[in-house]
Amino acid sequence: MKLLAKTLLGLENVLAEEINAIGASNVTQLNRAVSFEGDTEIMYKANLNLRTAIRVLVELETFKISGVEDLYKKLFAMNWQDYIGRLQTISVDSIVFSKLFNHSGYVALKTKDAIVDKMREIHRIRPNVDIKHPDVRINVHIAENVCTVSLDSSGESLNRRGYRTDAFAAPLNEVLAAGMLSLSGWDKKTPLYDPMCGSGTLLIEAAMMAYNIAPGIYRPEFGFERWITFDKDIWEKVLDHAQENEIKYDGNIMIFGSDSDSKALQATKVNIANASFSKRIEIKKEKFENTTAPTENGFIITNPPYGERITTDDINALYKEIGDTLKHKYTNYTAWILSGNEYAFKHLELKHTKTYSLLNGKIECKFREFRVFKGSHKEYKTSEN
């Protein structure tokens, strides 16, 4: 079957590597997506194991259209009875880049009409629409005169892992957090610290990666589990394999977090407990400038404020404070910082060595590496050689 995994801008390469790792074929990077091929087992594995996928679509048909009536006719001709049960509910999502249609909502409406009419003709009963919790989610993508119809195998977005029940302020998307960890090159063994941990998303995603815990293991359900074609035996095989490959806790992987806000720490504690990581992640209430390095060397990965809810003077001072703390207390550390404030970055007064462009929600961000060392940058480069 032909499959498409959607992701966030800048994470396409990371996702492609993940998809190759689960044994898929014909893996191709696209814009905010990766296409691939595989059987039912691969589709189940993709939903359970891909850390940087937002959802996984299963392509049903692709065809050319000339307008609204042609779209309806070709949708009606599809064998919807093979995918939708007699009493199941449906929902339709549509994405349209075409002069043939003025509004994506109209495409969704015509798709729904075609499906309902076809099912009523076959079963003499009309399937109901359930926008929030449908049994079958249909995705229609139109680019100019080409229409691709798919089933959404994921259901709710895959970033909803199931462990985060307590969020503080604007929590970091789990897919973005996993992508940041992968892009940083963290080896899952070196001590890792997030000094502004918020709801703890980076910490929990790091622990899941370090102990090889499938990101979807805590989810109550995936969309494909409601399908009439759902194969329970294959799904249980995929689940068993994932659990057998988890790494047992031995205390050797050190993951730390801190935050100056009590509410943030409370949210972190709840979410860490939900993931059963209370023994694997150490957190404390403390301002970054008052901390001392928990280990001789390590990785810092963090997402400080950008300035949306803080004045320019305060944000510049905050970033200078972060830079000073890194230089004075965290030599021998590699620091990765995500920020949507280019000017604030300059107040770190540190030279970055790598940069990735990412999106945090709708905010364009840079994810940058800073290697913290004693002496000048020139002396450091000389010692490396």
Protein backbone atom coordinates (compact mmCIF):
# COMPACT_ATOMS: atom_id res chain seq x y z
CA MET A 1 0.00 0.00 0.00
CA LYS A 2 1.02 3.62 -0.60
CA LEU A 3 1.44 5.64 2.60
CA LEU A 4 2.17 9.24 3.49
CA ALA A 5 3.47 10.43 6.87
CA LYS A 6 3.01 14.13 7.59
CA THR A 7 5.47 16.06 9.73
CA LEU A 8 6.61 19.59 10.67
CA LEU A 9 8.73 21.80 8.44
CA GLY A 10 12.41 20.97 8.86
CA LEU A 11 11.91 17.42 10.14
CA GLU A 12 11.48 15.63 6.80
CA ASN A 13 14.96 14.08 6.85
CA VAL A 14 14.58 12.85 10.42
CA LEU A 15 11.22 11.28 9.60
CA ALA A 16 12.59 9.61 6.45
CA GLU A 17 15.34 7.97 8.53
CA GLU A 18 12.73 6.71 11.00
CA ILE A 19 10.59 5.29 8.20
CA ASN A 20 13.56 3.47 6.68
CA ALA A 21 14.30 2.01 10.12
CA ILE A 22 10.87 0.31 10.35
CA GLY A 23 11.46 -1.48 7.05
CA ALA A 24 9.37 0.58 4.61
CA SER A 25 10.24 0.81 0.91
CA ASN A 26 10.33 3.60 -1.70
CA VAL A 27 10.86 6.28 0.96
CA THR A 28 10.69 9.78 -0.57
CA GLN A 29 11.00 13.14 1.19
CA LEU A 30 8.39 15.77 0.32
CA ASN A 31 7.44 19.16 1.79
CA ARG A 32 6.37 18.51 5.39
CA ALA A 33 5.76 14.86 4.52
CA VAL A 34 7.43 11.59 3.54
CA SER A 35 5.85 9.07 1.17
CA PHE A 36 6.60 5.36 1.44
CA GLU A 37 5.20 1.91 0.78
CA GLY A 38 4.51 -1.06 3.01
CA ASP A 39 1.98 -3.63 4.15
CA THR A 40 -0.47 -3.51 7.05
CA GLU A 41 2.27 -4.29 9.56
CA ILE A 42 4.38 -1.38 8.32
CA MET A 43 1.37 0.92 8.62
CA TYR A 44 0.79 -0.19 12.22
CA LYS A 45 4.51 0.20 13.00
CA ALA A 46 4.53 3.69 11.51
CA ASN A 47 1.75 4.86 13.81
CA LEU A 48 3.26 3.28 16.90
CA ASN A 49 6.96 4.02 16.37
CA LEU A 50 7.46 7.21 14.35
CA ARG A 51 8.44 10.00 16.73
CA THR A 52 8.36 12.81 14.16
CA ALA A 53 5.16 11.90 12.27
CA ILE A 54 1.98 13.89 12.86
CA ARG A 55 -0.29 11.39 11.08
CA VAL A 56 -0.10 8.51 8.61
CA LEU A 57 -2.38 8.44 5.56
CA VAL A 58 -3.20 5.35 3.50
CA GLU A 59 -3.81 6.21 -0.16
CA LEU A 60 -6.95 4.70 -1.70
CA GLU A 61 -7.09 6.30 -5.14
CA THR A 62 -5.60 9.13 -7.18
CA PHE A 63 -7.42 10.51 -10.23
CA LYS A 64 -7.78 13.60 -12.39
CA ILE A 65 -10.86 15.82 -12.11
CA SER A 66 -12.38 18.54 -14.26
CA GLY A 67 -14.69 20.14 -11.71
CA VAL A 68 -17.21 19.64 -8.92
CA GLU A 69 -19.49 17.17 -10.70
CA ASP A 70 -16.55 15.10 -11.92
CA LEU A 71 -15.17 14.99 -8.37
CA TYR A 72 -18.54 13.77 -7.02
CA LYS A 73 -18.89 11.17 -9.78
CA LYS A 74 -15.44 9.66 -9.20
CA LEU A 75 -15.81 9.68 -5.42
CA PHE A 76 -19.22 7.99 -5.71
CA ALA A 77 -17.68 5.28 -7.93
CA MET A 78 -15.23 4.23 -5.19
CA ASN A 79 -15.95 1.08 -3.18
CA TRP A 80 -16.58 2.80 0.14
CA GLN A 81 -18.26 -0.33 1.52
CA ASP A 82 -14.77 -1.89 1.65
CA TYR A 83 -13.64 0.73 4.16
CA ILE A 84 -16.72 1.88 6.07
CA GLY A 85 -19.03 -0.36 8.09
CA ARG A 86 -22.80 -0.12 7.84
CA LEU A 87 -23.24 1.78 11.12
CA GLN A 88 -19.90 3.57 11.30
CA THR A 89 -19.44 7.34 11.52
CA ILE A 90 -17.21 9.37 9.21
CA SER A 91 -15.45 12.73 8.92
CA VAL A 92 -13.76 14.37 5.94
CA ASP A 93 -10.69 16.61 5.90
CA SER A 94 -9.74 18.39 2.69
CA ILE A 95 -6.67 20.29 1.50
CA VAL A 96 -7.09 22.15 -1.79
CA PHE A 97 -4.58 23.93 -4.03
CA SER A 98 -6.66 24.36 -7.18
CA LYS A 99 -8.41 27.02 -9.23
CA LEU A 100 -11.26 24.55 -9.75
CA PHE A 101 -12.50 25.12 -6.18
CA ASN A 102 -12.92 28.29 -4.16
CA HIS A 103 -13.01 26.67 -0.75
CA SER A 104 -11.66 23.46 0.79
CA GLY A 105 -14.80 23.18 2.91
CA TYR A 106 -16.89 22.79 -0.23
CA VAL A 107 -14.67 19.89 -1.35
CA ALA A 108 -15.17 18.23 2.03
CA LEU A 109 -18.94 18.69 1.72
CA LYS A 110 -19.09 17.17 -1.79
CA THR A 111 -16.88 14.27 -0.64
CA LYS A 112 -19.20 13.61 2.28
CA ASP A 113 -22.22 13.74 -0.04
CA ALA A 114 -20.69 11.22 -2.44
CA ILE A 115 -19.77 8.80 0.35
CA VAL A 116 -23.14 9.08 2.11
CA ASP A 117 -25.04 8.60 -1.15
CA LYS A 118 -22.98 5.54 -2.07
CA MET A 119 -23.36 3.92 1.34
CA ARG A 120 -27.09 4.63 1.38
CA GLU A 121 -27.42 2.97 -2.03
CA ILE A 122 -25.66 -0.17 -0.78
CA HIS A 123 -26.91 -0.47 2.82
CA ARG A 124 -30.15 1.54 2.64
CA ILE A 125 -28.86 3.52 5.58
CA ARG A 126 -27.01 6.80 5.78
CA PRO A 127 -23.70 6.98 7.72
CA ASN A 128 -23.56 9.79 10.27
CA VAL A 129 -20.87 12.44 10.39
CA ASP A 130 -18.90 12.76 13.63
CA ILE A 131 -16.33 15.54 13.45
CA LYS A 132 -14.70 14.86 16.84
CA HIS A 133 -14.57 11.06 17.16
CA PRO A 134 -15.37 9.40 13.83
CA ASP A 135 -14.83 5.72 13.14
CA VAL A 136 -13.29 6.50 9.75
CA ARG A 137 -11.47 9.70 8.80
CA ILE A 138 -11.21 10.44 5.08
CA ASN A 139 -8.60 12.81 3.68
CA VAL A 140 -8.97 14.49 0.28
CA HIS A 141 -6.00 16.33 -1.24
CA ILE A 142 -6.43 18.28 -4.49
CA ALA A 143 -3.49 19.84 -6.33
CA GLU A 144 -4.74 21.61 -9.48
CA ASN A 145 -6.68 18.81 -11.27
CA VAL A 146 -5.28 15.82 -9.37
CA CYS A 147 -7.25 14.39 -6.45
CA THR A 148 -5.81 11.94 -3.92
CA VAL A 149 -8.21 10.18 -1.55
CA SER A 150 -6.78 8.61 1.60
CA LEU A 151 -7.80 7.14 4.92
CA ASP A 152 -6.29 8.68 8.05
CA SER A 153 -4.92 5.68 9.95
CA SER A 154 -3.83 7.70 12.99
CA GLY A 155 -7.03 9.26 14.27
CA GLU A 156 -5.96 11.99 16.64
CA SER A 157 -2.65 13.63 15.77
CA LEU A 158 0.31 11.42 16.68
CA ASN A 159 1.90 14.16 18.77
CA ARG A 160 -0.82 13.40 21.32
CA ARG A 161 1.19 10.64 22.95
CA GLY A 162 -1.14 10.16 25.89
CA TYR A 163 1.20 11.15 28.73
CA ARG A 164 0.61 14.91 28.79
CA THR A 165 -2.47 15.68 30.85
CA ASP A 166 -1.08 18.85 32.44
CA ALA A 167 0.20 21.64 30.19
CA PHE A 168 1.93 24.87 31.23
CA ALA A 169 1.58 28.01 29.05
CA ALA A 170 2.22 27.04 25.39
CA PRO A 171 3.72 23.55 25.65
CA LEU A 172 6.22 22.34 23.07
CA ASN A 173 4.76 20.00 20.46
CA GLU A 174 5.91 16.44 21.13
CA VAL A 175 6.82 15.87 17.47
CA LEU A 176 8.94 19.03 17.47
CA ALA A 177 10.64 18.00 20.73
CA ALA A 178 11.51 14.56 19.32
CA GLY A 179 12.79 16.18 16.13
CA MET A 180 14.99 18.59 18.09
CA LEU A 181 16.52 15.71 20.03
CA SER A 182 17.28 13.82 16.81
CA LEU A 183 18.71 16.87 15.02
CA SER A 184 20.98 17.65 17.98
CA GLY A 185 22.82 14.36 17.56
CA TRP A 186 22.27 13.41 21.20
CA ASP A 187 23.55 9.85 21.59
CA LYS A 188 20.92 8.83 24.21
CA LYS A 189 23.73 8.17 26.71
CA THR A 190 25.32 11.56 27.42
CA PRO A 191 23.66 13.39 30.35
CA LEU A 192 20.90 15.69 29.11
CA TYR A 193 19.53 18.80 30.82
CA ASP A 194 16.65 21.19 30.02
CA PRO A 195 16.97 24.25 32.32
CA MET A 196 13.61 25.75 31.22
CA CYS A 197 11.60 22.56 31.00
CA GLY A 198 8.03 23.97 31.06
CA SER A 199 5.69 20.96 30.92
CA GLY A 200 8.60 18.54 30.57
CA THR A 201 8.01 17.54 26.95
CA LEU A 202 11.69 17.52 25.94
CA LEU A 203 12.62 15.51 29.03
CA ILE A 204 9.93 12.88 28.48
CA GLU A 205 10.65 12.55 24.76
CA ALA A 206 14.35 12.16 25.60
CA ALA A 207 13.60 9.39 28.10
CA MET A 208 11.37 7.60 25.59
CA MET A 209 14.17 7.72 23.04
CA ALA A 210 16.86 6.66 25.50
CA TYR A 211 14.89 3.63 26.68
CA ASN A 212 13.58 2.83 23.19
CA ILE A 213 9.95 3.23 24.25
CA ALA A 214 7.58 3.59 21.31
CA PRO A 215 6.05 7.10 21.26
CA GLY A 216 2.55 5.74 20.70
CA ILE A 217 2.64 3.15 23.49
CA TYR A 218 0.59 5.33 25.91
CA ARG A 219 -2.12 6.26 23.40
CA PRO A 220 -5.58 4.85 24.16
CA GLU A 221 -6.35 4.29 20.48
CA PHE A 222 -5.30 4.72 16.86
CA GLY A 223 -7.72 5.40 14.02
CA PHE A 224 -7.05 2.08 12.27
CA GLU A 225 -8.32 0.14 15.31
CA ARG A 226 -11.87 1.14 14.34
CA TRP A 227 -11.55 0.05 10.72
CA ILE A 228 -13.50 -2.97 9.47
CA THR A 229 -10.18 -4.23 8.05
CA PHE A 230 -8.39 -4.04 11.42
CA ASP A 231 -6.17 -7.08 12.02
CA LYS A 232 -5.87 -7.65 15.76
CA ASP A 233 -3.24 -10.39 15.41
CA ILE A 234 -0.86 -8.21 13.40
CA TRP A 235 -1.40 -5.27 15.78
CA GLU A 236 -0.64 -7.40 18.85
CA LYS A 237 2.51 -8.68 17.13
CA VAL A 238 3.65 -5.08 16.51
CA LEU A 239 2.89 -4.10 20.12
CA ASP A 240 4.70 -7.14 21.53
CA HIS A 241 7.77 -6.43 19.40
CA ALA A 242 7.89 -2.82 20.57
CA GLN A 243 7.64 -3.77 24.24
CA GLU A 244 10.25 -6.52 23.90
CA ASN A 245 12.72 -3.99 22.50
CA GLU A 246 12.40 -1.51 25.35
CA ILE A 247 15.59 -0.93 27.34
CA LYS A 248 15.27 -1.69 31.05
CA TYR A 249 15.99 1.10 33.51
CA ASP A 250 19.45 0.80 35.06
CA GLY A 251 20.06 4.35 36.31
CA ASN A 252 22.93 4.99 33.88
CA ILE A 253 21.11 7.44 31.61
CA MET A 254 20.92 10.83 33.33
CA ILE A 255 18.15 13.24 32.32
CA PHE A 256 17.65 16.46 34.30
CA GLY A 257 15.21 19.35 34.18
CA SER A 258 14.58 22.56 36.05
CA ASP A 259 12.32 25.60 35.86
CA SER A 260 11.85 28.72 37.96
CA ASP A 261 8.05 28.46 37.84
CA SER A 262 6.27 26.28 40.40
CA LYS A 263 3.28 25.69 38.10
CA ALA A 264 5.57 24.50 35.33
CA LEU A 265 7.29 22.07 37.70
CA GLN A 266 3.95 20.73 38.89
CA ALA A 267 2.87 20.10 35.29
CA THR A 268 6.19 18.39 34.61
CA LYS A 269 5.81 16.12 37.64
CA VAL A 270 2.32 15.04 36.58
CA ASN A 271 3.38 14.32 33.00
CA ILE A 272 6.53 12.46 34.05
CA ALA A 273 4.44 10.32 36.40
CA ASN A 274 1.97 9.60 33.59
CA ALA A 275 4.87 8.27 31.53
CA SER A 276 6.15 6.23 34.52
CA PHE A 277 9.46 8.13 34.41
CA SER A 278 9.57 9.49 37.97
CA LYS A 279 12.75 7.51 38.68
CA ARG A 280 14.32 8.24 35.30
CA ILE A 281 14.05 12.05 35.19
CA GLU A 282 15.29 14.36 37.93
CA ILE A 283 13.68 17.81 38.21
CA LYS A 284 14.00 20.77 40.57
CA LYS A 285 12.76 24.35 40.98
CA GLU A 286 15.62 26.72 40.24
CA LYS A 287 16.55 29.63 37.99
CA PHE A 288 19.12 28.67 35.38
CA GLU A 289 21.62 31.29 36.54
CA ASN A 290 21.57 29.77 40.05
CA THR A 291 22.21 26.21 38.90
CA THR A 292 25.43 24.27 38.82
CA ALA A 293 26.22 21.74 36.12
CA PRO A 294 24.78 18.37 37.24
CA THR A 295 27.59 16.50 35.45
CA GLU A 296 31.09 17.29 34.19
CA ASN A 297 29.88 17.35 30.58
CA GLY A 298 26.60 16.90 28.79
CA PHE A 299 23.91 18.20 26.47
CA ILE A 300 21.60 21.13 27.13
CA ILE A 301 18.52 21.28 24.91
CA THR A 302 15.99 23.96 25.72
CA ASN A 303 13.24 26.24 24.43
CA PRO A 304 13.41 29.58 26.29
CA PRO A 305 10.80 32.35 25.92
CA TYR A 306 10.92 34.25 22.61
CA GLY A 307 9.34 37.52 23.70
CA GLU A 308 5.64 37.14 22.94
CA ARG A 309 4.68 37.72 26.57
CA ILE A 310 7.78 39.56 27.77
CA THR A 311 9.23 43.02 27.01
CA THR A 312 12.20 43.50 24.65
CA ASP A 313 14.49 44.68 27.44
CA ASP A 314 13.57 41.69 29.59
CA ILE A 315 14.03 39.15 26.78
CA ASN A 316 17.45 40.54 25.87
CA ALA A 317 18.48 40.42 29.51
CA LEU A 318 17.22 36.86 29.79
CA TYR A 319 19.27 35.69 26.80
CA LYS A 320 22.39 37.47 28.09
CA GLU A 321 21.85 35.70 31.39
CA ILE A 322 21.54 32.35 29.59
CA GLY A 323 24.76 33.03 27.67
CA ASP A 324 26.66 34.11 30.80
CA THR A 325 25.48 31.04 32.72
CA LEU A 326 26.57 28.73 29.92
CA LYS A 327 30.01 30.35 29.69
CA HIS A 328 30.67 30.44 33.44
CA LYS A 329 29.04 27.21 34.65
CA TYR A 330 28.60 24.85 31.71
CA THR A 331 31.97 24.52 30.01
CA ASN A 332 32.35 21.15 28.24
CA TYR A 333 28.62 21.18 27.46
CA THR A 334 26.96 21.30 24.06
CA ALA A 335 23.91 23.58 24.18
CA TRP A 336 21.06 23.53 21.67
CA ILE A 337 18.57 26.40 21.85
CA LEU A 338 15.30 26.84 19.96
CA SER A 339 14.14 30.44 19.58
CA GLY A 340 11.96 32.54 17.33
CA ASN A 341 13.76 35.75 18.33
CA GLU A 342 16.80 36.34 16.12
CA TYR A 343 17.80 39.54 17.91
CA ALA A 344 17.66 37.87 21.33
CA PHE A 345 20.01 35.15 20.06
CA LYS A 346 22.72 37.80 19.66
CA HIS A 347 22.53 38.58 23.37
CA LEU A 348 23.78 35.10 24.18
CA GLU A 349 27.18 36.39 23.01
CA LEU A 350 28.10 32.89 21.88
CA LYS A 351 29.10 31.65 18.44
CA HIS A 352 26.77 29.00 17.07
CA THR A 353 28.17 26.05 15.14
CA LYS A 354 25.00 24.61 13.54
CA THR A 355 21.55 25.95 12.64
CA TYR A 356 18.26 24.33 11.61
CA SER A 357 15.13 26.21 10.56
CA LEU A 358 12.00 24.90 12.30
CA LEU A 359 8.43 25.93 13.00
CA ASN A 360 7.05 26.07 16.53
CA GLY A 361 3.35 26.43 15.86
CA LYS A 362 3.25 29.32 13.42
CA ILE A 363 6.48 30.88 14.69
CA GLU A 364 9.55 30.59 12.46
CA CYS A 365 12.43 29.50 14.68
CA LYS A 366 16.11 28.70 14.57
CA PHE A 367 17.48 25.69 16.39
CA ARG A 368 21.14 26.37 17.08
CA GLU A 369 24.09 24.52 18.55
CA PHE A 370 26.54 26.28 20.87
CA ARG A 371 29.66 24.47 22.05
CA VAL A 372 30.68 25.84 25.43
CA PHE A 373 34.39 25.71 26.27
CA LYS A 374 37.07 27.52 28.24
CA GLY A 375 39.10 30.22 26.52
CA SER A 376 38.54 31.65 23.05
CA HIS A 377 36.82 29.97 20.11
CA LYS A 378 40.17 30.01 18.26
CA GLU A 379 41.87 28.17 21.15
CA TYR A 380 39.06 25.61 21.19
CA LYS A 381 39.36 24.94 17.43
CA THR A 382 43.13 24.59 17.79
CA SER A 383 42.71 22.03 20.60
CA GLU A 384 40.23 20.07 18.42
CA ASN A 385 42.87 19.73 15.68
